[in-house]
Every structure is written in structure tokens, then in C-alpha cells.
């Protein structure tokens, strides 16, 4: 299965843990940006950017006016 633009758009703002099995399968292997936890700010673990590489995530964050240094980047695993 291949992720579509619609899949990527629907994942933004959602927790990786809340993705359906079908979404997890389509998005497996993609990189996502999640805001770092700090004592001053306890962000929800929401996907703020998604792409084929960390560079793609940084571009998306920058385009959205967000500071890429405030995020961690992880690769979404296969659900099983």
C-alpha cells in the first residue's frame, strides 16, 4: 500500500497511536515530526509533519511557520 496526499493530510494533527490499522500500513516507513516534551509545555504527541525523510518534515514545518528544532523525528514502524 502506498500513502496518498490525502493520507498524509489526514494524519497531521493526530497522535501516531490513534492511526487506524489501515493508516498505519499505508504510512509505515514515513518520517513524522512530533513536538518535544518540555516542563514548560506538555504537547500532545501529535504528528505535525510527515514525509519520506527528515528533510521533508523540516520543509513542511518551516512552511507552516514552526521551528524544526522543537521537534523530534521518528520513522513510523509497521504495525506488526
Protein backbone atom coordinates (compact mmCIF):
# COMPACT_ATOMS: atom_id res chain seq x y z
CA UNK A 1 0.00 0.00 0.00
CA UNK A 2 1.17 3.49 -0.78
CA UNK A 3 0.26 6.62 1.13
CA UNK A 4 -1.62 9.27 -0.80
CA UNK A 5 -1.58 13.02 -0.25
CA UNK A 6 -4.96 12.64 1.42
CA UNK A 7 -3.49 10.06 3.84
CA UNK A 8 -0.70 12.47 4.77
CA UNK A 9 -3.10 15.39 5.27
CA UNK A 10 -5.42 13.30 7.44
CA UNK A 11 -2.52 12.22 9.71
CA UNK A 12 -1.43 15.79 10.53
CA UNK A 13 -2.62 16.81 13.98
CA UNK A 14 -3.30 13.24 15.12
CA UNK A 15 -1.41 11.06 17.54
CA UNK A 16 0.51 8.20 15.89
CA UNK A 17 -1.19 5.93 18.43
CA UNK A 18 -4.62 6.93 17.11
CA UNK A 19 -4.00 5.96 13.48
CA UNK A 20 -6.16 3.12 12.22
CA UNK A 21 -4.53 -0.16 11.20
CA UNK A 22 -5.10 0.72 7.54
CA UNK A 23 -3.46 4.14 8.04
CA UNK A 24 -0.54 2.56 9.90
CA UNK A 25 0.02 0.18 7.00
CA UNK A 26 -0.07 2.98 4.40
CA UNK A 27 2.18 5.30 6.44
CA UNK A 28 4.70 2.69 7.63
CA UNK A 29 8.24 3.85 6.86
CA UNK A 30 7.31 7.54 6.67
CA UNK A 31 9.02 10.04 8.96
CA UNK A 32 6.95 12.19 11.29
CA UNK A 33 7.74 15.24 13.41
CA UNK A 34 6.48 15.26 16.99
CA UNK A 35 6.97 18.26 19.30
CA UNK A 36 9.48 17.72 22.13
CA UNK A 37 8.15 17.47 25.64
CA UNK A 38 9.40 20.23 27.97
CA UNK A 39 8.34 21.06 31.54
CA UNK A 40 7.03 24.41 30.27
CA UNK A 41 4.97 22.86 27.51
CA UNK A 42 3.49 19.40 27.56
CA UNK A 43 2.44 18.97 23.96
CA UNK A 44 0.19 16.19 22.88
CA UNK A 45 2.01 13.61 20.81
CA UNK A 46 0.56 14.86 17.53
CA UNK A 47 2.00 14.48 14.07
CA UNK A 48 2.94 17.98 12.94
CA UNK A 49 4.72 16.97 9.72
CA UNK A 50 5.11 13.81 7.68
CA UNK A 51 7.31 12.86 4.76
CA UNK A 52 9.68 10.38 3.16
CA UNK A 53 12.66 11.90 5.00
CA UNK A 54 13.51 14.16 7.91
CA UNK A 55 14.31 16.87 5.36
CA UNK A 56 10.74 16.63 4.03
CA UNK A 57 9.43 17.04 7.58
CA UNK A 58 11.65 20.07 8.20
CA UNK A 59 10.40 21.66 4.98
CA UNK A 60 6.78 21.08 5.98
CA UNK A 61 7.34 22.51 9.48
CA UNK A 62 9.12 25.57 8.08
CA UNK A 63 6.34 26.12 5.54
CA UNK A 64 3.83 26.02 8.42
CA UNK A 65 5.88 28.60 10.37
CA UNK A 66 7.07 26.13 13.01
CA UNK A 67 10.64 25.86 14.35
CA UNK A 68 12.06 22.47 13.28
CA UNK A 69 14.45 22.41 16.27
CA UNK A 70 11.46 21.99 18.62
CA UNK A 71 10.59 18.59 17.15
CA UNK A 72 11.82 15.04 17.22
CA UNK A 73 11.70 12.95 14.08
CA UNK A 74 10.78 9.29 14.11
CA UNK A 75 10.07 6.73 11.44
CA UNK A 76 6.66 5.10 11.70
CA UNK A 77 7.04 1.33 12.13
CA UNK A 78 4.95 -1.36 10.53
CA UNK A 79 2.07 -2.20 12.86
CA UNK A 80 3.11 -5.86 13.13
